[in-house]
Amino acid sequence: MPGLKEFSVQEILNRSFDPTNNWLRVNDAEAVRRILLNGTLMAPLLAPWTIAVTGSGTFTAYPGYLYVTTGTTTGSTGRAYTTDLPFPGATYPVDFSKRILWGFLVQRVTSDTNVIARIQLKAATTEGALAARGLGIRMANLTMTGEGYDSAGAFTGTIQTMTTGVSYSILVDHEPAIPRIRFYVNGVLQATQTTATAVPGTITPAAGIVVSVLNGAGTANGIVTISAPWIYQAF
């Protein structure tokens, strides 16, 4: 059975996930079989989440998505995180020394120039730009960029100008051996990060997913949602 490296990201996107209707193609048993035989596929929405909000921030977990808000009080944040990402046989939940494919759907519900939202896979549980090993996306209002951090942080250029109320399919392809991080939106490659200091490449304990949003000096209710998350980590 060939390993993941012999299958392109585009084939995985085409065969196992359809960004047009946002549903896993459950009838494509062959694609799922290949992934399961060569790594681990999981849906972290099943994990317990820790809620850490300030001001008027809120967090709600629905059966199919997470809904994180700031409320309308200036300087409020909404944040939820989990490090409960067990990979069978793994020493640590997330091993940044290995190839990782991380996918999810993200939506901004409202628009305000003061709002910044982030979805990150990192060795920290705090809100804010990456300052520990990790990768993710940043949404400054509706402008989406990719970010990575190993010993220093770096952002890509704009990978998507978002529209409120529209879900975007995100795939982050992390390959530390090259090193590079590729950012796909709706199945299309939008940016590649090749700065070595911004591509995490070391085993890191207690890494997990952090979803956050803050409204800064504004009074708008900043809202971000995440749904259908999955992670593949090479053995």
C-alpha atoms as a PDB file:
ATOM      1  CA  MET A   1       0.000   0.000   0.000  1.00  0.00           C
ATOM      2  CA  PRO A   2       1.559   3.319  -1.024  1.00  0.00           C
ATOM      3  CA  GLY A   3       2.107   6.039   1.563  1.00  0.00           C
ATOM      4  CA  LEU A   4       0.554   9.493   1.675  1.00  0.00           C
ATOM      5  CA  LYS A   5       3.503  11.061  -0.137  1.00  0.00           C
ATOM      6  CA  GLU A   6       2.459   9.241  -3.300  1.00  0.00           C
ATOM      7  CA  PHE A   7      -0.919  10.981  -3.310  1.00  0.00           C
ATOM      8  CA  SER A   8      -1.167  14.665  -4.065  1.00  0.00           C
ATOM      9  CA  VAL A   9      -3.089  17.088  -1.891  1.00  0.00           C
ATOM     10  CA  GLN A  10      -5.370  17.736  -4.856  1.00  0.00           C
ATOM     11  CA  GLU A  11      -6.234  14.032  -5.098  1.00  0.00           C
ATOM     12  CA  ILE A  12      -7.059  13.916  -1.397  1.00  0.00           C
ATOM     13  CA  LEU A  13      -9.250  16.998  -1.783  1.00  0.00           C
ATOM     14  CA  ASN A  14     -10.966  15.637  -4.866  1.00  0.00           C
ATOM     15  CA  ARG A  15     -11.515  12.151  -3.484  1.00  0.00           C
ATOM     16  CA  SER A  16     -12.211  12.616   0.210  1.00  0.00           C
ATOM     17  CA  PHE A  17     -13.704  16.084   0.692  1.00  0.00           C
ATOM     18  CA  ASP A  18     -16.010  18.167  -1.431  1.00  0.00           C
ATOM     19  CA  PRO A  19     -15.799  21.920  -0.634  1.00  0.00           C
ATOM     20  CA  THR A  20     -18.807  22.546  -2.868  1.00  0.00           C
ATOM     21  CA  ASN A  21     -21.297  20.867  -0.552  1.00  0.00           C
ATOM     22  CA  ASN A  22     -19.104  20.655   2.564  1.00  0.00           C
ATOM     23  CA  TRP A  23     -19.750  16.958   3.144  1.00  0.00           C
ATOM     24  CA  LEU A  24     -17.376  14.019   3.355  1.00  0.00           C
ATOM     25  CA  ARG A  25     -17.900  11.754   0.389  1.00  0.00           C
ATOM     26  CA  VAL A  26     -18.721   8.707   2.470  1.00  0.00           C
ATOM     27  CA  ASN A  27     -19.241   6.571  -0.608  1.00  0.00           C
ATOM     28  CA  ASP A  28     -15.592   7.005  -1.599  1.00  0.00           C
ATOM     29  CA  ALA A  29     -14.408   4.131   0.567  1.00  0.00           C
ATOM     30  CA  GLU A  30     -11.099   3.787  -1.258  1.00  0.00           C
ATOM     31  CA  ALA A  31      -9.929   7.308  -0.383  1.00  0.00           C
ATOM     32  CA  VAL A  32     -10.872   6.842   3.271  1.00  0.00           C
ATOM     33  CA  ARG A  33      -9.168   3.427   3.347  1.00  0.00           C
ATOM     34  CA  ARG A  34      -5.920   4.891   2.015  1.00  0.00           C
ATOM     35  CA  ILE A  35      -5.891   7.634   4.649  1.00  0.00           C
ATOM     36  CA  LEU A  36      -6.689   5.273   7.518  1.00  0.00           C
ATOM     37  CA  LEU A  37      -4.023   2.773   6.493  1.00  0.00           C
ATOM     38  CA  ASN A  38      -1.315   5.417   6.262  1.00  0.00           C
ATOM     39  CA  GLY A  39      -2.092   7.770   9.118  1.00  0.00           C
ATOM     40  CA  THR A  40      -4.783   9.052  11.434  1.00  0.00           C
ATOM     41  CA  LEU A  41      -7.902  10.955  10.496  1.00  0.00           C
ATOM     42  CA  MET A  42      -9.950  12.513  13.285  1.00  0.00           C
ATOM     43  CA  ALA A  43     -12.709  15.033  13.998  1.00  0.00           C
ATOM     44  CA  PRO A  44     -11.643  17.177  16.982  1.00  0.00           C
ATOM     45  CA  LEU A  45     -15.199  18.497  17.532  1.00  0.00           C
ATOM     46  CA  LEU A  46     -15.644  15.327  19.581  1.00  0.00           C
ATOM     47  CA  ALA A  47     -12.984  16.492  22.047  1.00  0.00           C
ATOM     48  CA  PRO A  48     -13.753  18.487  25.194  1.00  0.00           C
ATOM     49  CA  TRP A  49     -13.134  22.219  24.846  1.00  0.00           C
ATOM     50  CA  THR A  50     -11.919  24.654  27.484  1.00  0.00           C
ATOM     51  CA  ILE A  51     -13.698  28.011  27.366  1.00  0.00           C
ATOM     52  CA  ALA A  52     -11.671  31.158  28.088  1.00  0.00           C
ATOM     53  CA  VAL A  53     -13.592  34.351  27.377  1.00  0.00           C
ATOM     54  CA  THR A  54     -13.217  37.937  28.589  1.00  0.00           C
ATOM     55  CA  GLY A  55     -15.717  40.795  28.730  1.00  0.00           C
ATOM     56  CA  SER A  56     -18.830  39.827  26.810  1.00  0.00           C
ATOM     57  CA  GLY A  57     -17.210  36.944  24.917  1.00  0.00           C
ATOM     58  CA  THR A  58     -19.131  33.685  24.464  1.00  0.00           C
ATOM     59  CA  PHE A  59     -18.585  30.145  23.217  1.00  0.00           C
ATOM     60  CA  THR A  60     -21.209  27.641  22.115  1.00  0.00           C
ATOM     61  CA  ALA A  61     -20.630  24.097  20.864  1.00  0.00           C
ATOM     62  CA  TYR A  62     -23.308  22.880  18.483  1.00  0.00           C
ATOM     63  CA  PRO A  63     -23.445  19.321  17.094  1.00  0.00           C
ATOM     64  CA  GLY A  64     -21.827  20.391  13.813  1.00  0.00           C
ATOM     65  CA  TYR A  65     -19.824  23.508  14.575  1.00  0.00           C
ATOM     66  CA  LEU A  66     -18.276  25.783  17.192  1.00  0.00           C
ATOM     67  CA  TYR A  67     -19.578  29.354  17.531  1.00  0.00           C
ATOM     68  CA  VAL A  68     -17.223  31.839  19.197  1.00  0.00           C
ATOM     69  CA  THR A  69     -18.119  35.507  19.753  1.00  0.00           C
ATOM     70  CA  THR A  70     -16.817  38.657  21.434  1.00  0.00           C
ATOM     71  CA  GLY A  71     -20.141  40.267  22.280  1.00  0.00           C
ATOM     72  CA  THR A  72     -20.369  44.047  22.060  1.00  0.00           C
ATOM     73  CA  THR A  73     -18.191  45.133  24.989  1.00  0.00           C
ATOM     74  CA  THR A  74     -14.970  46.836  23.861  1.00  0.00           C
ATOM     75  CA  GLY A  75     -11.849  44.731  24.358  1.00  0.00           C
ATOM     76  CA  SER A  76     -13.711  41.431  24.671  1.00  0.00           C
ATOM     77  CA  THR A  77     -12.419  38.062  23.504  1.00  0.00           C
ATOM     78  CA  GLY A  78     -13.965  34.703  22.783  1.00  0.00           C
ATOM     79  CA  ARG A  79     -11.639  31.710  22.929  1.00  0.00           C
ATOM     80  CA  ALA A  80     -11.898  27.947  23.096  1.00  0.00           C
ATOM     81  CA  TYR A  81      -9.113  25.402  22.988  1.00  0.00           C
ATOM     82  CA  THR A  82      -8.474  21.697  23.282  1.00  0.00           C
ATOM     83  CA  THR A  83      -5.324  19.589  23.590  1.00  0.00           C
ATOM     84  CA  ASP A  84      -7.339  16.382  23.694  1.00  0.00           C
ATOM     85  CA  LEU A  85      -6.205  15.164  20.288  1.00  0.00           C
ATOM     86  CA  PRO A  86      -5.150  11.546  20.798  1.00  0.00           C
ATOM     87  CA  PHE A  87      -3.303   9.859  17.974  1.00  0.00           C
ATOM     88  CA  PRO A  88      -2.996   6.081  18.535  1.00  0.00           C
ATOM     89  CA  GLY A  89       0.577   5.132  19.352  1.00  0.00           C
ATOM     90  CA  ALA A  90       1.788   8.734  19.448  1.00  0.00           C
ATOM     91  CA  THR A  91       3.980  10.025  22.265  1.00  0.00           C
ATOM     92  CA  TYR A  92       2.428  13.469  21.951  1.00  0.00           C
ATOM     93  CA  PRO A  93      -0.942  14.443  20.441  1.00  0.00           C
ATOM     94  CA  VAL A  94       0.633  16.592  17.710  1.00  0.00           C
ATOM     95  CA  ASP A  95       4.109  15.915  16.349  1.00  0.00           C
ATOM     96  CA  PHE A  96       5.340  18.872  14.296  1.00  0.00           C
ATOM     97  CA  SER A  97       8.337  16.850  13.141  1.00  0.00           C
ATOM     98  CA  LYS A  98       5.951  14.883  10.903  1.00  0.00           C
ATOM     99  CA  ARG A  99       3.772  15.783   7.985  1.00  0.00           C
ATOM    100  CA  ILE A 100       0.380  17.095   9.046  1.00  0.00           C
ATOM    101  CA  LEU A 101      -2.700  17.774   6.946  1.00  0.00           C
ATOM    102  CA  TRP A 102      -5.247  19.885   8.794  1.00  0.00           C
ATOM    103  CA  GLY A 103      -8.601  20.779   7.325  1.00  0.00           C
ATOM    104  CA  PHE A 104     -11.727  22.602   8.482  1.00  0.00           C
ATOM    105  CA  LEU A 105     -14.496  24.955   7.411  1.00  0.00           C
ATOM    106  CA  VAL A 106     -14.406  28.516   8.712  1.00  0.00           C
ATOM    107  CA  GLN A 107     -16.921  31.341   8.537  1.00  0.00           C
ATOM    108  CA  ARG A 108     -17.002  34.977   9.634  1.00  0.00           C
ATOM    109  CA  VAL A 109     -20.569  35.922  10.498  1.00  0.00           C
ATOM    110  CA  THR A 110     -20.107  39.683  10.943  1.00  0.00           C
ATOM    111  CA  SER A 111     -17.757  42.339   9.611  1.00  0.00           C
ATOM    112  CA  ASP A 112     -15.871  45.003  11.591  1.00  0.00           C
ATOM    113  CA  THR A 113     -12.410  46.438  10.987  1.00  0.00           C
ATOM    114  CA  ASN A 114     -11.421  46.044  14.656  1.00  0.00           C
ATOM    115  CA  VAL A 115     -12.085  42.305  14.794  1.00  0.00           C
ATOM    116  CA  ILE A 116      -9.329  39.699  14.475  1.00  0.00           C
ATOM    117  CA  ALA A 117     -10.113  35.975  14.504  1.00  0.00           C
ATOM    118  CA  ARG A 118      -7.665  33.072  14.489  1.00  0.00           C
ATOM    119  CA  ILE A 119      -7.761  29.308  14.161  1.00  0.00           C
ATOM    120  CA  GLN A 120      -4.476  27.746  15.188  1.00  0.00           C
ATOM    121  CA  LEU A 121      -2.853  24.393  15.854  1.00  0.00           C
ATOM    122  CA  LYS A 122      -0.102  25.269  18.319  1.00  0.00           C
ATOM    123  CA  ALA A 123       1.849  24.515  21.485  1.00  0.00           C
ATOM    124  CA  ALA A 124      -0.039  27.131  23.515  1.00  0.00           C
ATOM    125  CA  THR A 125      -3.607  27.888  24.528  1.00  0.00           C
ATOM    126  CA  THR A 126      -3.419  31.684  24.429  1.00  0.00           C
ATOM    127  CA  GLU A 127      -5.107  34.154  22.100  1.00  0.00           C
ATOM    128  CA  GLY A 128      -2.925  36.075  19.678  1.00  0.00           C
ATOM    129  CA  ALA A 129      -0.373  35.687  16.914  1.00  0.00           C
ATOM    130  CA  LEU A 130       1.741  32.567  17.043  1.00  0.00           C
ATOM    131  CA  ALA A 131       4.518  32.828  19.632  1.00  0.00           C
ATOM    132  CA  ALA A 132       4.995  29.082  20.045  1.00  0.00           C
ATOM    133  CA  ARG A 133       5.402  26.279  17.516  1.00  0.00           C
ATOM    134  CA  GLY A 134       2.347  26.043  15.374  1.00  0.00           C
ATOM    135  CA  LEU A 135       0.432  26.935  12.232  1.00  0.00           C
ATOM    136  CA  GLY A 136      -2.930  28.411  11.402  1.00  0.00           C
ATOM    137  CA  ILE A 137      -4.905  31.183   9.782  1.00  0.00           C
ATOM    138  CA  ARG A 138      -5.552  34.777  10.807  1.00  0.00           C
ATOM    139  CA  MET A 139      -8.601  36.795   9.789  1.00  0.00           C
ATOM    140  CA  ALA A 140      -8.154  40.552  10.187  1.00  0.00           C
ATOM    141  CA  ASN A 141     -11.804  41.393   9.699  1.00  0.00           C
ATOM    142  CA  LEU A 142     -12.388  39.585   6.368  1.00  0.00           C
ATOM    143  CA  THR A 143      -8.773  39.358   5.159  1.00  0.00           C
ATOM    144  CA  MET A 144      -7.396  35.864   5.676  1.00  0.00           C
ATOM    145  CA  THR A 145      -3.670  35.076   5.855  1.00  0.00           C
ATOM    146  CA  GLY A 146      -1.701  31.979   6.797  1.00  0.00           C
ATOM    147  CA  GLU A 147       0.789  31.878   9.640  1.00  0.00           C
ATOM    148  CA  GLY A 148       3.498  29.581  10.967  1.00  0.00           C
ATOM    149  CA  TYR A 149       6.024  29.551  13.816  1.00  0.00           C
ATOM    150  CA  ASP A 150       9.001  27.424  14.771  1.00  0.00           C
ATOM    151  CA  SER A 151      11.562  29.800  16.278  1.00  0.00           C
ATOM    152  CA  ALA A 152      10.024  32.919  14.713  1.00  0.00           C
ATOM    153  CA  GLY A 153       6.649  33.812  13.266  1.00  0.00           C
ATOM    154  CA  ALA A 154       5.747  34.761   9.707  1.00  0.00           C
ATOM    155  CA  PHE A 155       2.568  35.473   7.780  1.00  0.00           C
ATOM    156  CA  THR A 156       1.711  34.811   4.165  1.00  0.00           C
ATOM    157  CA  GLY A 157       0.044  37.382   1.985  1.00  0.00           C
ATOM    158  CA  THR A 158      -3.733  37.408   1.641  1.00  0.00           C
ATOM    159  CA  ILE A 159      -5.072  33.940   0.884  1.00  0.00           C
ATOM    160  CA  GLN A 160      -8.754  34.873   0.856  1.00  0.00           C
ATOM    161  CA  THR A 161     -10.929  37.957   1.030  1.00  0.00           C
ATOM    162  CA  MET A 162     -13.918  36.594   2.887  1.00  0.00           C
ATOM    163  CA  THR A 163     -17.618  37.316   2.609  1.00  0.00           C
ATOM    164  CA  THR A 164     -19.708  37.213   5.773  1.00  0.00           C
ATOM    165  CA  GLY A 165     -21.992  34.211   6.061  1.00  0.00           C
ATOM    166  CA  VAL A 166     -19.941  32.114   3.634  1.00  0.00           C
ATOM    167  CA  SER A 167     -18.001  29.026   4.745  1.00  0.00           C
ATOM    168  CA  TYR A 168     -14.516  28.452   3.344  1.00  0.00           C
ATOM    169  CA  SER A 169     -12.807  25.096   3.156  1.00  0.00           C
ATOM    170  CA  ILE A 170      -9.260  25.387   4.538  1.00  0.00           C
ATOM    171  CA  LEU A 171      -6.468  22.857   4.153  1.00  0.00           C
ATOM    172  CA  VAL A 172      -3.079  23.440   5.770  1.00  0.00           C
ATOM    173  CA  ASP A 173      -0.392  21.069   4.468  1.00  0.00           C
ATOM    174  CA  HIS A 174       2.618  21.058   6.799  1.00  0.00           C
ATOM    175  CA  GLU A 175       5.791  19.353   5.514  1.00  0.00           C
ATOM    176  CA  PRO A 176       8.694  20.004   7.927  1.00  0.00           C
ATOM    177  CA  ALA A 177      11.198  17.901   5.987  1.00  0.00           C
ATOM    178  CA  ILE A 178      11.152  20.338   3.041  1.00  0.00           C
ATOM    179  CA  PRO A 179      10.371  22.702   4.970  1.00  0.00           C
ATOM    180  CA  ARG A 180       7.118  24.331   3.879  1.00  0.00           C
ATOM    181  CA  ILE A 181       3.499  25.010   4.774  1.00  0.00           C
ATOM    182  CA  ARG A 182       0.972  25.204   1.973  1.00  0.00           C
ATOM    183  CA  PHE A 183      -2.385  26.922   2.446  1.00  0.00           C
ATOM    184  CA  TYR A 184      -5.372  25.864   0.328  1.00  0.00           C
ATOM    185  CA  VAL A 185      -8.752  27.613   0.215  1.00  0.00           C
ATOM    186  CA  ASN A 186     -11.667  25.764  -1.397  1.00  0.00           C
ATOM    187  CA  GLY A 187      -9.244  23.287  -2.924  1.00  0.00           C
ATOM    188  CA  VAL A 188      -6.947  25.890  -4.519  1.00  0.00           C
ATOM    189  CA  LEU A 189      -3.376  26.535  -3.374  1.00  0.00           C
ATOM    190  CA  GLN A 190      -3.173  30.178  -2.289  1.00  0.00           C
ATOM    191  CA  ALA A 191       0.202  30.530  -0.520  1.00  0.00           C
ATOM    192  CA  THR A 192       3.322  28.605   0.442  1.00  0.00           C
ATOM    193  CA  GLN A 193       5.439  29.407   3.477  1.00  0.00           C
ATOM    194  CA  THR A 194       9.055  28.282   3.024  1.00  0.00           C
ATOM    195  CA  THR A 195      10.833  30.349   5.696  1.00  0.00           C
ATOM    196  CA  ALA A 196      12.426  27.618   7.808  1.00  0.00           C
ATOM    197  CA  THR A 197      12.040  29.476  11.105  1.00  0.00           C
ATOM    198  CA  ALA A 198       8.289  29.703  10.466  1.00  0.00           C
ATOM    199  CA  VAL A 199       7.740  25.982   9.755  1.00  0.00           C
ATOM    200  CA  PRO A 200       7.447  24.016  13.021  1.00  0.00           C
ATOM    201  CA  GLY A 201       9.639  20.944  12.937  1.00  0.00           C
ATOM    202  CA  THR A 202      10.013  19.599  16.474  1.00  0.00           C
ATOM    203  CA  ILE A 203       7.933  17.281  18.636  1.00  0.00           C
ATOM    204  CA  THR A 204       5.927  19.489  20.976  1.00  0.00           C
ATOM    205  CA  PRO A 205       3.904  18.260  23.961  1.00  0.00           C
ATOM    206  CA  ALA A 206       0.473  19.670  24.743  1.00  0.00           C
ATOM    207  CA  ALA A 207      -0.178  21.137  21.311  1.00  0.00           C
ATOM    208  CA  GLY A 208      -3.801  21.631  20.389  1.00  0.00           C
ATOM    209  CA  ILE A 209      -6.399  23.658  18.514  1.00  0.00           C
ATOM    210  CA  VAL A 210      -7.202  27.224  19.558  1.00  0.00           C
ATOM    211  CA  VAL A 211     -10.172  29.157  18.136  1.00  0.00           C
ATOM    212  CA  SER A 212     -10.254  32.825  19.103  1.00  0.00           C
ATOM    213  CA  VAL A 213     -11.746  36.190  18.213  1.00  0.00           C
ATOM    214  CA  LEU A 214     -11.286  39.686  19.692  1.00  0.00           C
ATOM    215  CA  ASN A 215     -12.936  43.006  18.930  1.00  0.00           C
ATOM    216  CA  GLY A 216     -10.124  45.317  20.084  1.00  0.00           C
ATOM    217  CA  ALA A 217     -11.167  48.944  20.348  1.00  0.00           C
ATOM    218  CA  GLY A 218     -14.523  48.335  18.692  1.00  0.00           C
ATOM    219  CA  THR A 219     -17.967  47.443  19.991  1.00  0.00           C
ATOM    220  CA  ALA A 220     -18.983  45.064  17.233  1.00  0.00           C
ATOM    221  CA  ASN A 221     -19.859  41.478  18.045  1.00  0.00           C
ATOM    222  CA  GLY A 222     -17.050  39.586  16.309  1.00  0.00           C
ATOM    223  CA  ILE A 223     -18.105  36.044  15.419  1.00  0.00           C
ATOM    224  CA  VAL A 224     -16.147  33.122  13.981  1.00  0.00           C
ATOM    225  CA  THR A 225     -17.295  29.545  13.429  1.00  0.00           C
ATOM    226  CA  ILE A 226     -15.366  26.354  12.708  1.00  0.00           C
ATOM    227  CA  SER A 227     -16.872  23.093  11.494  1.00  0.00           C
ATOM    228  CA  ALA A 228     -15.873  19.751   9.972  1.00  0.00           C
ATOM    229  CA  PRO A 229     -12.306  19.797  11.344  1.00  0.00           C
ATOM    230  CA  TRP A 230      -9.969  16.870  10.699  1.00  0.00           C
ATOM    231  CA  ILE A 231      -6.297  16.135  11.122  1.00  0.00           C
ATOM    232  CA  TYR A 232      -4.017  13.666   9.371  1.00  0.00           C
ATOM    233  CA  GLN A 233      -0.646  13.036  10.994  1.00  0.00           C
ATOM    234  CA  ALA A 234       1.916  10.769   9.361  1.00  0.00           C
ATOM    235  CA  PHE A 235       3.220   7.853  11.393  1.00  0.00           C
END
